N, C-alpha and C. Protein backbone atom coordinates (compact mmCIF):
# COMPACT_ATOMS: atom_id res chain seq x y z
N UNK A 1 0.36 -27.44 -8.95
CA UNK A 1 0.87 -26.77 -10.14
C UNK A 1 0.76 -25.27 -9.93
N UNK A 2 1.89 -24.58 -10.04
CA UNK A 2 1.93 -23.13 -9.91
C UNK A 2 2.25 -22.56 -11.29
N UNK A 3 1.25 -21.98 -11.99
CA UNK A 3 1.45 -21.51 -13.36
C UNK A 3 2.57 -20.49 -13.49
N UNK A 4 2.66 -19.59 -12.52
CA UNK A 4 3.67 -18.52 -12.60
C UNK A 4 5.08 -19.11 -12.55
N UNK A 5 5.30 -19.99 -11.57
CA UNK A 5 6.64 -20.58 -11.40
C UNK A 5 7.00 -21.50 -12.58
N UNK A 6 6.02 -22.30 -13.03
CA UNK A 6 6.29 -23.22 -14.16
C UNK A 6 6.61 -22.45 -15.44
N UNK A 7 5.83 -21.39 -15.69
CA UNK A 7 6.08 -20.58 -16.90
C UNK A 7 7.45 -19.92 -16.82
N UNK A 8 7.81 -19.38 -15.66
CA UNK A 8 9.10 -18.73 -15.49
C UNK A 8 10.25 -19.72 -15.68
N UNK A 9 10.10 -20.91 -15.13
CA UNK A 9 11.15 -21.93 -15.26
C UNK A 9 11.37 -22.30 -16.73
N UNK A 10 10.27 -22.52 -17.48
CA UNK A 10 10.39 -22.88 -18.90
C UNK A 10 11.03 -21.75 -19.69
N UNK A 11 10.60 -20.50 -19.42
CA UNK A 11 11.16 -19.35 -20.13
C UNK A 11 12.65 -19.18 -19.81
N UNK A 12 13.06 -19.41 -18.56
CA UNK A 12 14.47 -19.30 -18.20
C UNK A 12 15.31 -20.40 -18.85
N UNK A 13 14.80 -21.63 -18.91
CA UNK A 13 15.50 -22.70 -19.61
C UNK A 13 15.73 -22.32 -21.07
N UNK A 14 14.67 -21.80 -21.69
CA UNK A 14 14.76 -21.38 -23.09
C UNK A 14 15.82 -20.29 -23.26
N UNK A 15 15.76 -19.28 -22.39
CA UNK A 15 16.69 -18.16 -22.49
C UNK A 15 18.14 -18.63 -22.29
N UNK A 16 18.36 -19.45 -21.27
CA UNK A 16 19.71 -19.94 -20.97
C UNK A 16 20.27 -20.76 -22.15
N UNK A 17 19.48 -21.68 -22.65
CA UNK A 17 19.94 -22.49 -23.78
C UNK A 17 20.24 -21.62 -25.00
N UNK A 18 19.33 -20.68 -25.28
CA UNK A 18 19.50 -19.84 -26.47
C UNK A 18 20.73 -18.94 -26.36
N UNK A 19 20.93 -18.34 -25.19
CA UNK A 19 22.10 -17.45 -25.02
C UNK A 19 23.40 -18.25 -25.13
N UNK A 20 23.41 -19.43 -24.52
CA UNK A 20 24.61 -20.28 -24.63
C UNK A 20 24.87 -20.64 -26.09
N UNK A 21 23.81 -20.93 -26.81
CA UNK A 21 23.96 -21.29 -28.22
C UNK A 21 24.52 -20.12 -29.03
N UNK A 22 23.94 -18.94 -28.82
CA UNK A 22 24.40 -17.76 -29.58
C UNK A 22 25.85 -17.42 -29.24
N UNK A 23 26.16 -17.40 -27.92
CA UNK A 23 27.52 -17.05 -27.53
C UNK A 23 28.53 -18.06 -28.09
N UNK A 24 28.24 -19.31 -27.95
CA UNK A 24 29.21 -20.31 -28.41
C UNK A 24 29.32 -20.32 -29.93
N UNK A 25 28.21 -20.24 -30.63
CA UNK A 25 28.28 -20.30 -32.09
C UNK A 25 28.89 -19.02 -32.67
N UNK A 26 28.54 -17.85 -32.12
CA UNK A 26 29.09 -16.60 -32.66
C UNK A 26 30.56 -16.44 -32.31
N UNK A 27 30.96 -16.86 -31.12
CA UNK A 27 32.38 -16.76 -30.78
C UNK A 27 33.22 -17.77 -31.56
N UNK A 28 32.62 -18.89 -31.89
CA UNK A 28 33.32 -19.85 -32.73
C UNK A 28 33.57 -19.25 -34.11
N UNK A 29 32.54 -18.56 -34.61
CA UNK A 29 32.69 -17.88 -35.91
C UNK A 29 33.76 -16.80 -35.79
N UNK A 30 33.78 -16.07 -34.66
CA UNK A 30 34.76 -14.99 -34.46
C UNK A 30 36.18 -15.52 -34.42
N UNK A 31 36.35 -16.71 -33.86
CA UNK A 31 37.69 -17.29 -33.82
C UNK A 31 38.19 -17.70 -35.21
N UNK A 32 37.24 -18.14 -36.01
CA UNK A 32 37.61 -18.58 -37.36
C UNK A 32 37.82 -17.40 -38.30
N UNK A 33 36.98 -16.38 -38.15
CA UNK A 33 37.09 -15.19 -39.00
C UNK A 33 37.33 -14.00 -38.08
N UNK A 34 37.91 -12.95 -38.53
CA UNK A 34 38.34 -11.89 -37.64
C UNK A 34 37.59 -10.56 -37.74
N UNK A 35 36.32 -10.48 -37.97
CA UNK A 35 35.65 -9.18 -37.87
C UNK A 35 34.99 -9.03 -36.50
N UNK A 36 35.70 -8.55 -35.47
CA UNK A 36 35.19 -8.51 -34.09
C UNK A 36 33.94 -7.65 -33.92
N UNK A 37 33.83 -6.55 -34.62
CA UNK A 37 32.65 -5.67 -34.46
C UNK A 37 31.39 -6.40 -34.91
N UNK A 38 31.47 -7.12 -36.01
CA UNK A 38 30.32 -7.86 -36.53
C UNK A 38 29.88 -8.94 -35.54
N UNK A 39 30.86 -9.61 -34.94
CA UNK A 39 30.54 -10.67 -33.98
C UNK A 39 29.84 -10.09 -32.76
N UNK A 40 30.36 -8.97 -32.26
CA UNK A 40 29.73 -8.34 -31.08
C UNK A 40 28.32 -7.89 -31.38
N UNK A 41 28.12 -7.29 -32.55
CA UNK A 41 26.76 -6.87 -32.94
C UNK A 41 25.84 -8.08 -33.08
N UNK A 42 26.34 -9.14 -33.63
CA UNK A 42 25.55 -10.35 -33.81
C UNK A 42 25.16 -10.95 -32.45
N UNK A 43 26.12 -10.97 -31.51
CA UNK A 43 25.83 -11.49 -30.16
C UNK A 43 24.82 -10.60 -29.47
N UNK A 44 24.96 -9.28 -29.57
CA UNK A 44 24.03 -8.34 -28.96
C UNK A 44 22.63 -8.50 -29.55
N UNK A 45 22.55 -8.56 -30.86
CA UNK A 45 21.26 -8.71 -31.54
C UNK A 45 20.61 -10.05 -31.15
N UNK A 46 21.37 -11.11 -31.14
CA UNK A 46 20.84 -12.43 -30.77
C UNK A 46 20.38 -12.46 -29.32
N UNK A 47 21.17 -11.84 -28.42
CA UNK A 47 20.80 -11.82 -27.00
C UNK A 47 19.52 -11.03 -26.77
N UNK A 48 19.40 -9.89 -27.46
CA UNK A 48 18.18 -9.09 -27.36
C UNK A 48 16.97 -9.89 -27.85
N UNK A 49 17.14 -10.61 -28.96
CA UNK A 49 16.07 -11.44 -29.49
C UNK A 49 15.66 -12.51 -28.47
N UNK A 50 16.65 -13.12 -27.84
CA UNK A 50 16.38 -14.17 -26.85
C UNK A 50 15.62 -13.61 -25.65
N UNK A 51 16.05 -12.44 -25.17
CA UNK A 51 15.39 -11.83 -24.01
C UNK A 51 13.93 -11.52 -24.34
N UNK A 52 13.69 -10.92 -25.51
CA UNK A 52 12.31 -10.58 -25.89
C UNK A 52 11.44 -11.83 -26.08
N UNK A 53 11.97 -12.84 -26.77
CA UNK A 53 11.17 -14.05 -26.98
C UNK A 53 10.98 -14.82 -25.67
N UNK A 54 11.94 -14.73 -24.74
CA UNK A 54 11.77 -15.37 -23.44
C UNK A 54 10.64 -14.72 -22.65
N UNK A 55 10.60 -13.38 -22.69
CA UNK A 55 9.50 -12.69 -22.00
C UNK A 55 8.15 -13.04 -22.62
N UNK A 56 8.10 -13.05 -23.94
CA UNK A 56 6.86 -13.42 -24.62
C UNK A 56 6.46 -14.84 -24.27
N UNK A 57 7.42 -15.76 -24.29
CA UNK A 57 7.14 -17.15 -23.94
C UNK A 57 6.65 -17.26 -22.50
N UNK A 58 7.25 -16.52 -21.60
CA UNK A 58 6.83 -16.53 -20.20
C UNK A 58 5.38 -16.11 -20.05
N UNK A 59 4.99 -14.99 -20.66
CA UNK A 59 3.62 -14.50 -20.52
C UNK A 59 2.60 -15.43 -21.17
N UNK A 60 2.96 -15.97 -22.33
CA UNK A 60 2.03 -16.91 -23.00
C UNK A 60 1.86 -18.19 -22.19
N UNK A 61 2.98 -18.72 -21.70
CA UNK A 61 2.90 -19.94 -20.89
C UNK A 61 2.13 -19.70 -19.60
N UNK A 62 2.35 -18.55 -18.98
CA UNK A 62 1.65 -18.25 -17.73
C UNK A 62 0.14 -18.19 -17.97
N UNK A 63 -0.28 -17.53 -19.06
CA UNK A 63 -1.71 -17.49 -19.38
C UNK A 63 -2.27 -18.88 -19.62
N UNK A 64 -1.54 -19.67 -20.40
CA UNK A 64 -2.00 -21.02 -20.73
C UNK A 64 -2.09 -21.90 -19.48
N UNK A 65 -1.03 -21.88 -18.67
CA UNK A 65 -1.02 -22.71 -17.47
C UNK A 65 -2.05 -22.26 -16.44
N UNK A 66 -2.30 -20.96 -16.36
CA UNK A 66 -3.36 -20.46 -15.47
C UNK A 66 -4.72 -20.97 -15.90
N UNK A 67 -4.98 -20.93 -17.22
CA UNK A 67 -6.28 -21.40 -17.70
C UNK A 67 -6.42 -22.91 -17.45
N UNK A 68 -5.32 -23.65 -17.62
CA UNK A 68 -5.36 -25.08 -17.31
C UNK A 68 -5.64 -25.32 -15.83
N UNK A 69 -5.00 -24.54 -14.97
CA UNK A 69 -5.19 -24.68 -13.53
C UNK A 69 -6.62 -24.35 -13.15
N UNK A 70 -7.18 -23.28 -13.73
CA UNK A 70 -8.57 -22.91 -13.45
C UNK A 70 -9.54 -24.00 -13.89
N UNK A 71 -9.28 -24.56 -15.07
CA UNK A 71 -10.15 -25.64 -15.57
C UNK A 71 -10.04 -26.87 -14.68
N UNK A 72 -8.82 -27.18 -14.27
CA UNK A 72 -8.61 -28.33 -13.40
C UNK A 72 -9.31 -28.14 -12.06
N UNK A 73 -9.23 -26.94 -11.52
CA UNK A 73 -9.88 -26.64 -10.25
C UNK A 73 -11.40 -26.75 -10.39
N UNK A 74 -11.95 -26.19 -11.49
CA UNK A 74 -13.39 -26.26 -11.73
C UNK A 74 -13.85 -27.71 -11.90
N UNK A 75 -13.03 -28.50 -12.58
CA UNK A 75 -13.35 -29.91 -12.78
C UNK A 75 -13.34 -30.66 -11.46
N UNK A 76 -12.36 -30.38 -10.61
CA UNK A 76 -12.30 -31.03 -9.29
C UNK A 76 -13.52 -30.67 -8.44
N UNK A 77 -13.92 -29.39 -8.47
CA UNK A 77 -15.09 -28.94 -7.71
C UNK A 77 -16.34 -29.63 -8.23
N UNK A 78 -16.47 -29.68 -9.56
CA UNK A 78 -17.63 -30.32 -10.18
C UNK A 78 -17.68 -31.81 -9.83
N UNK A 79 -16.52 -32.47 -9.89
CA UNK A 79 -16.47 -33.89 -9.56
C UNK A 79 -16.82 -34.13 -8.10
N UNK A 80 -16.35 -33.25 -7.22
CA UNK A 80 -16.66 -33.38 -5.80
C UNK A 80 -18.16 -33.21 -5.55
N UNK A 81 -18.77 -32.23 -6.23
CA UNK A 81 -20.23 -32.03 -6.08
C UNK A 81 -20.99 -33.25 -6.57
N UNK A 82 -20.60 -33.76 -7.75
CA UNK A 82 -21.27 -34.94 -8.29
C UNK A 82 -21.12 -36.12 -7.35
N UNK A 83 -19.88 -36.35 -6.85
CA UNK A 83 -19.62 -37.48 -5.97
C UNK A 83 -20.44 -37.37 -4.69
N UNK A 84 -20.51 -36.16 -4.11
CA UNK A 84 -21.29 -35.96 -2.89
C UNK A 84 -22.77 -36.23 -3.14
N UNK A 85 -23.28 -35.68 -4.24
CA UNK A 85 -24.68 -35.88 -4.59
C UNK A 85 -24.96 -37.36 -4.83
N UNK A 86 -24.10 -38.01 -5.60
CA UNK A 86 -24.27 -39.43 -5.92
C UNK A 86 -24.31 -40.28 -4.66
N UNK A 87 -23.40 -40.00 -3.72
CA UNK A 87 -23.31 -40.81 -2.51
C UNK A 87 -24.42 -40.52 -1.50
N UNK A 88 -24.95 -39.29 -1.49
CA UNK A 88 -25.91 -38.91 -0.47
C UNK A 88 -27.38 -39.00 -0.91
N UNK A 89 -27.63 -39.26 -2.19
CA UNK A 89 -29.01 -39.34 -2.66
C UNK A 89 -29.78 -40.41 -1.90
N UNK A 90 -31.04 -40.13 -1.53
CA UNK A 90 -31.82 -41.14 -0.82
C UNK A 90 -32.37 -42.24 -1.73
N UNK A 91 -32.26 -42.06 -3.03
CA UNK A 91 -32.71 -43.09 -3.98
C UNK A 91 -31.50 -43.85 -4.49
N UNK A 92 -31.72 -45.09 -4.91
CA UNK A 92 -30.63 -45.89 -5.46
C UNK A 92 -30.28 -45.40 -6.85
N UNK A 93 -28.98 -45.27 -7.12
CA UNK A 93 -28.52 -44.82 -8.44
C UNK A 93 -27.48 -45.81 -8.93
N UNK A 94 -27.63 -46.20 -10.22
CA UNK A 94 -26.73 -47.15 -10.83
C UNK A 94 -26.24 -46.56 -12.15
N UNK A 95 -24.92 -46.55 -12.35
CA UNK A 95 -24.34 -46.14 -13.63
C UNK A 95 -23.95 -47.41 -14.38
N UNK A 96 -24.39 -47.51 -15.65
CA UNK A 96 -24.13 -48.71 -16.45
C UNK A 96 -23.44 -48.33 -17.75
N UNK A 97 -22.70 -49.29 -18.31
CA UNK A 97 -22.15 -49.07 -19.65
C UNK A 97 -23.23 -49.42 -20.68
N UNK A 98 -22.90 -49.39 -21.95
CA UNK A 98 -23.90 -49.62 -22.99
C UNK A 98 -24.44 -51.05 -23.01
N UNK A 99 -23.70 -52.00 -22.46
CA UNK A 99 -24.18 -53.38 -22.43
C UNK A 99 -25.00 -53.68 -21.19
N UNK A 100 -25.13 -52.71 -20.28
CA UNK A 100 -25.90 -52.92 -19.06
C UNK A 100 -25.08 -53.38 -17.89
N UNK A 101 -23.76 -53.42 -18.03
CA UNK A 101 -22.90 -53.80 -16.91
C UNK A 101 -22.83 -52.63 -15.93
N UNK A 102 -23.01 -52.92 -14.66
CA UNK A 102 -23.02 -51.88 -13.63
C UNK A 102 -21.59 -51.41 -13.36
N UNK A 103 -21.35 -50.14 -13.60
CA UNK A 103 -20.03 -49.56 -13.38
C UNK A 103 -19.90 -49.07 -11.94
N UNK A 104 -20.99 -48.51 -11.44
CA UNK A 104 -20.95 -47.95 -10.08
C UNK A 104 -22.37 -47.82 -9.55
N UNK A 105 -22.51 -48.02 -8.24
CA UNK A 105 -23.80 -47.82 -7.60
C UNK A 105 -23.58 -47.07 -6.29
N UNK A 106 -24.60 -46.32 -5.87
CA UNK A 106 -24.44 -45.54 -4.65
C UNK A 106 -24.85 -46.35 -3.42
N UNK A 107 -24.54 -45.87 -2.21
CA UNK A 107 -24.87 -46.61 -0.99
C UNK A 107 -26.36 -46.88 -0.81
N UNK A 108 -27.23 -46.03 -1.35
CA UNK A 108 -28.67 -46.26 -1.20
C UNK A 108 -29.09 -47.56 -1.88
N UNK A 109 -28.35 -48.00 -2.90
CA UNK A 109 -28.66 -49.28 -3.53
C UNK A 109 -28.43 -50.42 -2.55
N UNK A 110 -27.59 -50.22 -1.55
CA UNK A 110 -27.34 -51.24 -0.54
C UNK A 110 -28.57 -51.56 0.29
N UNK A 111 -29.52 -50.63 0.34
CA UNK A 111 -30.77 -50.90 1.07
C UNK A 111 -31.63 -51.91 0.31
N UNK A 112 -31.44 -51.98 -1.00
CA UNK A 112 -32.23 -52.92 -1.80
C UNK A 112 -31.51 -54.24 -1.99
N UNK A 113 -30.18 -54.25 -1.80
CA UNK A 113 -29.36 -55.44 -1.97
C UNK A 113 -28.38 -55.53 -0.82
N UNK A 114 -28.01 -56.74 -0.48
CA UNK A 114 -27.07 -56.92 0.64
C UNK A 114 -25.63 -56.60 0.26
N UNK A 115 -25.29 -56.81 -1.00
CA UNK A 115 -23.90 -56.60 -1.39
C UNK A 115 -23.82 -55.66 -2.59
N UNK A 116 -22.61 -55.28 -2.94
CA UNK A 116 -22.39 -54.38 -4.08
C UNK A 116 -22.70 -55.13 -5.38
N UNK A 117 -23.31 -54.43 -6.29
CA UNK A 117 -23.66 -55.02 -7.58
C UNK A 117 -22.72 -54.55 -8.68
N UNK A 118 -21.70 -53.79 -8.33
CA UNK A 118 -20.77 -53.28 -9.34
C UNK A 118 -20.15 -54.45 -10.11
N UNK A 119 -20.14 -54.32 -11.43
CA UNK A 119 -19.54 -55.35 -12.27
C UNK A 119 -20.53 -56.34 -12.85
N UNK A 120 -21.75 -56.45 -12.25
CA UNK A 120 -22.71 -57.39 -12.82
C UNK A 120 -23.59 -56.70 -13.85
N UNK A 121 -24.29 -57.52 -14.60
CA UNK A 121 -25.25 -56.97 -15.55
C UNK A 121 -26.52 -56.58 -14.81
N UNK A 122 -27.15 -55.50 -15.25
CA UNK A 122 -28.36 -55.02 -14.58
C UNK A 122 -29.47 -56.08 -14.62
N UNK A 123 -29.51 -56.87 -15.70
CA UNK A 123 -30.53 -57.92 -15.81
C UNK A 123 -30.35 -59.04 -14.81
N UNK A 124 -29.14 -59.19 -14.23
CA UNK A 124 -28.92 -60.22 -13.22
C UNK A 124 -29.59 -59.87 -11.89
N UNK A 125 -29.83 -58.60 -11.66
CA UNK A 125 -30.50 -58.18 -10.43
C UNK A 125 -31.97 -58.58 -10.48
N UNK A 126 -32.59 -58.33 -11.62
CA UNK A 126 -34.01 -58.66 -11.80
C UNK A 126 -34.25 -58.81 -13.29
N UNK A 127 -35.03 -59.81 -13.72
CA UNK A 127 -35.20 -60.03 -15.17
C UNK A 127 -35.87 -58.87 -15.90
N UNK A 128 -36.65 -58.05 -15.20
CA UNK A 128 -37.33 -56.92 -15.86
C UNK A 128 -36.42 -55.73 -16.09
N UNK A 129 -35.23 -55.77 -15.49
CA UNK A 129 -34.32 -54.63 -15.61
C UNK A 129 -33.42 -54.82 -16.82
N UNK A 130 -33.68 -54.05 -17.84
CA UNK A 130 -32.86 -54.09 -19.04
C UNK A 130 -32.45 -52.67 -19.38
N UNK A 131 -31.22 -52.48 -19.87
CA UNK A 131 -30.84 -51.12 -20.27
C UNK A 131 -31.57 -50.73 -21.56
N UNK A 132 -32.57 -49.92 -21.41
CA UNK A 132 -33.31 -49.41 -22.57
C UNK A 132 -33.59 -47.95 -22.28
N UNK A 133 -33.46 -47.10 -23.26
CA UNK A 133 -33.59 -45.67 -22.99
C UNK A 133 -35.00 -45.29 -22.54
N UNK A 134 -35.04 -44.44 -21.54
CA UNK A 134 -36.27 -43.80 -21.06
C UNK A 134 -37.38 -44.79 -20.75
N UNK A 135 -37.08 -45.74 -19.88
CA UNK A 135 -38.09 -46.68 -19.40
C UNK A 135 -38.38 -46.36 -17.95
N UNK A 136 -39.66 -46.31 -17.60
CA UNK A 136 -40.06 -46.12 -16.21
C UNK A 136 -41.10 -47.18 -15.89
N UNK A 137 -40.90 -47.93 -14.81
CA UNK A 137 -41.81 -49.01 -14.48
C UNK A 137 -41.66 -49.37 -13.01
N UNK A 138 -42.60 -50.18 -12.52
CA UNK A 138 -42.56 -50.67 -11.14
C UNK A 138 -42.05 -52.11 -11.18
N UNK A 139 -41.30 -52.48 -10.16
CA UNK A 139 -40.79 -53.85 -10.06
C UNK A 139 -40.80 -54.24 -8.58
N UNK A 140 -41.07 -55.50 -8.32
CA UNK A 140 -41.05 -55.99 -6.95
C UNK A 140 -39.75 -56.78 -6.77
N UNK A 141 -38.91 -56.32 -5.83
CA UNK A 141 -37.62 -56.95 -5.58
C UNK A 141 -37.44 -57.16 -4.08
N UNK A 142 -37.21 -58.42 -3.73
CA UNK A 142 -36.92 -58.77 -2.34
C UNK A 142 -37.93 -58.16 -1.37
N UNK A 143 -39.20 -58.27 -1.72
CA UNK A 143 -40.27 -57.79 -0.85
C UNK A 143 -40.52 -56.30 -0.89
N UNK A 144 -39.87 -55.61 -1.78
CA UNK A 144 -40.05 -54.16 -1.88
C UNK A 144 -40.60 -53.79 -3.24
N UNK A 145 -41.39 -52.73 -3.27
CA UNK A 145 -41.87 -52.16 -4.53
C UNK A 145 -40.94 -51.01 -4.90
N UNK A 146 -40.35 -51.10 -6.08
CA UNK A 146 -39.43 -50.06 -6.53
C UNK A 146 -39.92 -49.46 -7.83
N UNK A 147 -39.88 -48.13 -7.88
CA UNK A 147 -40.11 -47.45 -9.16
C UNK A 147 -38.74 -47.29 -9.78
N UNK A 148 -38.59 -47.76 -11.01
CA UNK A 148 -37.30 -47.75 -11.68
C UNK A 148 -37.38 -46.87 -12.92
N UNK A 149 -36.41 -46.01 -13.06
CA UNK A 149 -36.27 -45.18 -14.27
C UNK A 149 -34.89 -45.48 -14.85
N UNK A 150 -34.88 -45.96 -16.09
CA UNK A 150 -33.62 -46.20 -16.79
C UNK A 150 -33.58 -45.26 -17.97
N UNK A 151 -32.53 -44.45 -18.02
CA UNK A 151 -32.41 -43.46 -19.10
C UNK A 151 -31.01 -43.50 -19.69
N UNK A 152 -30.92 -43.15 -20.96
CA UNK A 152 -29.63 -43.16 -21.65
C UNK A 152 -28.85 -41.90 -21.27
N UNK A 153 -27.56 -42.09 -20.99
CA UNK A 153 -26.65 -40.97 -20.76
C UNK A 153 -25.44 -41.20 -21.67
N UNK A 154 -24.56 -40.24 -21.75
CA UNK A 154 -23.38 -40.39 -22.59
C UNK A 154 -22.52 -41.54 -22.07
N UNK A 155 -22.28 -42.51 -22.92
CA UNK A 155 -21.43 -43.64 -22.56
C UNK A 155 -22.16 -44.78 -21.88
N UNK A 156 -23.49 -44.72 -21.77
CA UNK A 156 -24.20 -45.84 -21.14
C UNK A 156 -25.59 -45.46 -20.68
N UNK A 157 -25.95 -45.95 -19.47
CA UNK A 157 -27.29 -45.76 -18.93
C UNK A 157 -27.20 -45.36 -17.46
N UNK A 158 -28.26 -44.71 -17.02
CA UNK A 158 -28.41 -44.33 -15.62
C UNK A 158 -29.69 -44.97 -15.12
N UNK A 159 -29.60 -45.68 -14.01
CA UNK A 159 -30.78 -46.29 -13.40
C UNK A 159 -31.05 -45.65 -12.06
N UNK A 160 -32.31 -45.27 -11.83
CA UNK A 160 -32.71 -44.66 -10.54
C UNK A 160 -33.77 -45.56 -9.93
N UNK A 161 -33.57 -45.98 -8.68
CA UNK A 161 -34.45 -46.88 -7.97
C UNK A 161 -35.04 -46.15 -6.76
N UNK A 162 -36.36 -46.01 -6.74
CA UNK A 162 -37.02 -45.33 -5.64
C UNK A 162 -37.94 -46.31 -4.93
N UNK A 163 -37.77 -46.45 -3.62
CA UNK A 163 -38.55 -47.40 -2.83
C UNK A 163 -39.94 -46.82 -2.55
N UNK A 164 -40.97 -47.47 -3.09
CA UNK A 164 -42.35 -47.03 -2.89
C UNK A 164 -43.14 -48.05 -2.07
N UNK A 165 -42.43 -48.91 -1.32
CA UNK A 165 -43.09 -49.96 -0.55
C UNK A 165 -44.08 -49.38 0.45
N UNK A 166 -43.69 -48.35 1.19
CA UNK A 166 -44.58 -47.76 2.20
C UNK A 166 -45.84 -47.18 1.55
N UNK A 167 -45.68 -46.54 0.41
CA UNK A 167 -46.83 -45.96 -0.29
C UNK A 167 -47.75 -47.07 -0.77
N UNK A 168 -47.19 -48.14 -1.34
CA UNK A 168 -47.98 -49.28 -1.81
C UNK A 168 -48.72 -49.93 -0.64
N UNK A 169 -48.03 -50.12 0.48
CA UNK A 169 -48.67 -50.71 1.66
C UNK A 169 -49.79 -49.83 2.18
N UNK A 170 -49.58 -48.51 2.16
CA UNK A 170 -50.64 -47.58 2.60
C UNK A 170 -51.85 -47.65 1.67
N UNK A 171 -51.60 -47.76 0.38
CA UNK A 171 -52.71 -47.89 -0.58
C UNK A 171 -53.48 -49.17 -0.33
N UNK A 172 -52.76 -50.27 -0.09
CA UNK A 172 -53.41 -51.55 0.19
C UNK A 172 -54.23 -51.46 1.48
N UNK A 173 -53.66 -50.83 2.50
CA UNK A 173 -54.37 -50.69 3.78
C UNK A 173 -55.62 -49.83 3.62
N UNK A 174 -55.52 -48.79 2.79
CA UNK A 174 -56.68 -47.93 2.58
C UNK A 174 -57.76 -48.65 1.78
N UNK A 175 -57.38 -49.56 0.90
CA UNK A 175 -58.37 -50.30 0.09
C UNK A 175 -59.02 -51.44 0.86
N UNK A 176 -58.32 -52.07 1.79
CA UNK A 176 -58.83 -53.26 2.47
C UNK A 176 -60.12 -53.02 3.25
N UNK A 177 -60.34 -51.91 3.96
CA UNK A 177 -61.64 -51.72 4.62
C UNK A 177 -62.78 -51.54 3.61
N UNK A 178 -62.47 -51.10 2.42
CA UNK A 178 -63.50 -50.89 1.41
C UNK A 178 -63.98 -52.20 0.81
N UNK A 179 -63.21 -53.23 0.82
CA UNK A 179 -63.56 -54.49 0.16
C UNK A 179 -64.80 -55.14 0.76
N UNK A 180 -64.93 -55.28 2.11
CA UNK A 180 -66.17 -55.88 2.65
C UNK A 180 -67.40 -55.02 2.31
N UNK A 181 -67.22 -53.70 2.34
CA UNK A 181 -68.33 -52.81 2.01
C UNK A 181 -68.72 -52.98 0.55
N UNK A 182 -67.71 -53.13 -0.31
CA UNK A 182 -68.00 -53.35 -1.74
C UNK A 182 -68.74 -54.66 -1.94
N UNK A 183 -68.36 -55.70 -1.19
CA UNK A 183 -69.01 -57.01 -1.32
C UNK A 183 -70.47 -56.93 -0.85
N UNK A 184 -70.68 -56.28 0.30
CA UNK A 184 -72.06 -56.19 0.82
C UNK A 184 -72.91 -55.34 -0.10
N UNK A 185 -72.33 -54.30 -0.68
CA UNK A 185 -73.06 -53.47 -1.63
C UNK A 185 -73.39 -54.28 -2.88
N UNK A 186 -72.45 -55.08 -3.33
CA UNK A 186 -72.67 -55.94 -4.50
C UNK A 186 -73.77 -56.96 -4.19
N UNK A 187 -73.79 -57.54 -2.99
CA UNK A 187 -74.80 -58.53 -2.60
C UNK A 187 -76.17 -57.90 -2.56
N UNK A 188 -76.25 -56.69 -2.00
CA UNK A 188 -77.56 -56.03 -1.90
C UNK A 188 -78.07 -55.64 -3.28
N UNK A 189 -77.20 -55.27 -4.18
CA UNK A 189 -77.62 -54.94 -5.55
C UNK A 189 -78.15 -56.20 -6.23
N UNK A 190 -77.45 -57.33 -6.05
CA UNK A 190 -77.89 -58.59 -6.63
C UNK A 190 -79.22 -59.02 -6.04
N UNK A 191 -79.37 -58.88 -4.72
CA UNK A 191 -80.62 -59.27 -4.03
C UNK A 191 -81.77 -58.41 -4.51
N UNK A 192 -81.53 -57.12 -4.69
CA UNK A 192 -82.62 -56.24 -5.13
C UNK A 192 -83.04 -56.58 -6.56
N UNK A 193 -82.09 -57.02 -7.39
CA UNK A 193 -82.43 -57.41 -8.75
C UNK A 193 -83.30 -58.65 -8.75
N UNK A 194 -82.99 -59.59 -7.84
CA UNK A 194 -83.77 -60.82 -7.75
C UNK A 194 -85.18 -60.52 -7.29
N UNK A 195 -85.35 -59.63 -6.27
CA UNK A 195 -86.68 -59.30 -5.74
C UNK A 195 -87.51 -58.55 -6.77
N UNK A 196 -86.85 -57.77 -7.57
CA UNK A 196 -87.59 -56.99 -8.56
C UNK A 196 -88.22 -57.92 -9.61
N UNK A 197 -87.65 -59.03 -9.86
CA UNK A 197 -88.18 -59.93 -10.88
C UNK A 197 -89.35 -60.61 -10.29
């Protein structure tokens, strides 16, 4: 869309139609009645009016179409940024409608599921997943620990899935050497209580 060319084309169409109308209607009047000076003045006045209104129409249309083009360009840039961010995020992202039906999911969700979940209800993925505003919780899915945040957005819900399996496994590994020590400490405390009696 070229605002300058489009505005000029519309203004020229307007001018051409208007001049043809004035010339044909005023000359028709001149043929029926015979005051030639009045007809010429009327044609001149009408033509001048058409030229001025055509210029005004051109400038107004050009401004309007430029603003539309700028908004369209900004919207395209914004959509491209959103799409890039959505597709490249390392966490799973799911867009849902108000009933919890998945409208779109990013490729990172593919790490948690083998196939696309678009079109299904969020609750079909896991029973704990329900569209409710501002819920954050942990869920175990297909052997992975996921932190899930579901929040309300305009027109539905946004779900964010972050894989915390490695962190959970590290915590378990760090706790496991402590368990025998805790047991032996517990046994010695119990034994000392018995001896004290």
